[in-house]
């Protein structure tokens, strides 16, 4: 399932937020790291969920798995 996700639909910021969620960071931590408001972090997360067609799966563990898949995909592309 995770391999089928089209990460190209995500903006750079949505990808960044998703990766930080995957690292276990909370909204406040992410906001500080990338210099935006926590409410903006939440919005980027919600938009990423919609773009990846993951509605109803907002549990952090799902986003952590998505972030892992994104990192894995990036690693595979670096090797090509």
C-alpha atoms as a PDB file:
ATOM      1  CA  UNK A   1       0.000   0.000   0.000  1.00  0.00           C
ATOM      2  CA  UNK A   2       2.683   2.530   1.007  1.00  0.00           C
ATOM      3  CA  UNK A   3       4.589   1.993  -2.222  1.00  0.00           C
ATOM      4  CA  UNK A   4       1.512   3.133  -4.161  1.00  0.00           C
ATOM      5  CA  UNK A   5       1.375   6.565  -2.523  1.00  0.00           C
ATOM      6  CA  UNK A   6       2.095   9.373  -4.969  1.00  0.00           C
ATOM      7  CA  UNK A   7       4.374  11.680  -2.992  1.00  0.00           C
ATOM      8  CA  UNK A   8       4.834  13.910  -6.030  1.00  0.00           C
ATOM      9  CA  UNK A   9       1.438  15.385  -5.156  1.00  0.00           C
ATOM     10  CA  UNK A  10       2.884  16.889  -1.973  1.00  0.00           C
ATOM     11  CA  UNK A  11       4.425  20.325  -1.807  1.00  0.00           C
ATOM     12  CA  UNK A  12       7.924  20.601  -0.388  1.00  0.00           C
ATOM     13  CA  UNK A  13       6.489  21.921   2.903  1.00  0.00           C
ATOM     14  CA  UNK A  14       3.932  19.089   3.142  1.00  0.00           C
ATOM     15  CA  UNK A  15       6.746  16.587   2.591  1.00  0.00           C
ATOM     16  CA  UNK A  16       8.848  18.289   5.225  1.00  0.00           C
ATOM     17  CA  UNK A  17       6.033  18.237   7.795  1.00  0.00           C
ATOM     18  CA  UNK A  18       5.244  14.590   7.027  1.00  0.00           C
ATOM     19  CA  UNK A  19       8.895  13.598   7.449  1.00  0.00           C
ATOM     20  CA  UNK A  20       9.123  15.407  10.792  1.00  0.00           C
ATOM     21  CA  UNK A  21       5.918  13.735  11.994  1.00  0.00           C
ATOM     22  CA  UNK A  22       7.506  10.430  10.970  1.00  0.00           C
ATOM     23  CA  UNK A  23      10.438  11.290  13.220  1.00  0.00           C
ATOM     24  CA  UNK A  24       7.994  11.603  16.128  1.00  0.00           C
ATOM     25  CA  UNK A  25       7.988  15.398  16.348  1.00  0.00           C
ATOM     26  CA  UNK A  26       4.859  17.158  17.616  1.00  0.00           C
ATOM     27  CA  UNK A  27       3.257  20.248  16.046  1.00  0.00           C
ATOM     28  CA  UNK A  28       5.064  22.653  18.368  1.00  0.00           C
ATOM     29  CA  UNK A  29       8.463  21.084  17.671  1.00  0.00           C
ATOM     30  CA  UNK A  30       7.852  21.073  13.922  1.00  0.00           C
ATOM     31  CA  UNK A  31       6.729  24.704  14.014  1.00  0.00           C
ATOM     32  CA  UNK A  32       9.959  25.715  15.741  1.00  0.00           C
ATOM     33  CA  UNK A  33      12.155  23.649  13.411  1.00  0.00           C
ATOM     34  CA  UNK A  34      10.741  25.072  10.184  1.00  0.00           C
ATOM     35  CA  UNK A  35       9.713  28.489  11.489  1.00  0.00           C
ATOM     36  CA  UNK A  36       5.945  28.432  11.102  1.00  0.00           C
ATOM     37  CA  UNK A  37       2.952  28.433  13.457  1.00  0.00           C
ATOM     38  CA  UNK A  38       1.683  25.148  14.940  1.00  0.00           C
ATOM     39  CA  UNK A  39      -1.674  25.805  13.248  1.00  0.00           C
ATOM     40  CA  UNK A  40       0.141  25.895   9.899  1.00  0.00           C
ATOM     41  CA  UNK A  41       1.776  22.553  10.688  1.00  0.00           C
ATOM     42  CA  UNK A  42      -1.663  21.078  11.330  1.00  0.00           C
ATOM     43  CA  UNK A  43      -2.946  22.482   8.036  1.00  0.00           C
ATOM     44  CA  UNK A  44      -0.001  21.051   6.084  1.00  0.00           C
ATOM     45  CA  UNK A  45      -0.614  17.675   7.716  1.00  0.00           C
ATOM     46  CA  UNK A  46      -4.301  17.785   6.800  1.00  0.00           C
ATOM     47  CA  UNK A  47      -3.537  18.769   3.212  1.00  0.00           C
ATOM     48  CA  UNK A  48      -0.994  15.958   2.868  1.00  0.00           C
ATOM     49  CA  UNK A  49      -3.558  13.465   4.155  1.00  0.00           C
ATOM     50  CA  UNK A  50      -6.075  14.637   1.555  1.00  0.00           C
ATOM     51  CA  UNK A  51      -3.560  14.617  -1.305  1.00  0.00           C
ATOM     52  CA  UNK A  52      -2.419  11.099  -0.410  1.00  0.00           C
ATOM     53  CA  UNK A  53      -6.061   9.977  -0.137  1.00  0.00           C
ATOM     54  CA  UNK A  54      -5.623   8.920   3.496  1.00  0.00           C
ATOM     55  CA  UNK A  55      -8.860  10.414   4.813  1.00  0.00           C
ATOM     56  CA  UNK A  56      -9.930   8.940   8.111  1.00  0.00           C
ATOM     57  CA  UNK A  57      -6.378   7.888   8.905  1.00  0.00           C
ATOM     58  CA  UNK A  58      -5.072  10.852  10.859  1.00  0.00           C
ATOM     59  CA  UNK A  59      -3.597   8.762  13.658  1.00  0.00           C
ATOM     60  CA  UNK A  60       0.073   9.707  14.095  1.00  0.00           C
ATOM     61  CA  UNK A  61       1.225   6.134  13.504  1.00  0.00           C
ATOM     62  CA  UNK A  62      -0.243   6.246   9.990  1.00  0.00           C
ATOM     63  CA  UNK A  63       1.617   9.449   9.206  1.00  0.00           C
ATOM     64  CA  UNK A  64       4.772   7.965  10.672  1.00  0.00           C
ATOM     65  CA  UNK A  65       4.389   5.023   8.290  1.00  0.00           C
ATOM     66  CA  UNK A  66       3.799   7.415   5.393  1.00  0.00           C
ATOM     67  CA  UNK A  67       6.904   9.356   6.371  1.00  0.00           C
ATOM     68  CA  UNK A  68       8.885   6.128   6.526  1.00  0.00           C
ATOM     69  CA  UNK A  69       7.670   5.185   3.060  1.00  0.00           C
ATOM     70  CA  UNK A  70       8.639   8.631   1.777  1.00  0.00           C
ATOM     71  CA  UNK A  71      12.129   8.312   3.262  1.00  0.00           C
ATOM     72  CA  UNK A  72      12.487   4.814   1.791  1.00  0.00           C
ATOM     73  CA  UNK A  73      11.398   6.060  -1.622  1.00  0.00           C
ATOM     74  CA  UNK A  74      13.902   8.953  -1.424  1.00  0.00           C
ATOM     75  CA  UNK A  75      16.621   6.447  -0.542  1.00  0.00           C
ATOM     76  CA  UNK A  76      15.733   4.275  -3.527  1.00  0.00           C
ATOM     77  CA  UNK A  77      15.809   7.273  -5.873  1.00  0.00           C
ATOM     78  CA  UNK A  78      19.253   8.315  -4.605  1.00  0.00           C
ATOM     79  CA  UNK A  79      20.627   4.952  -5.621  1.00  0.00           C
ATOM     80  CA  UNK A  80      19.523   5.300  -9.255  1.00  0.00           C
END
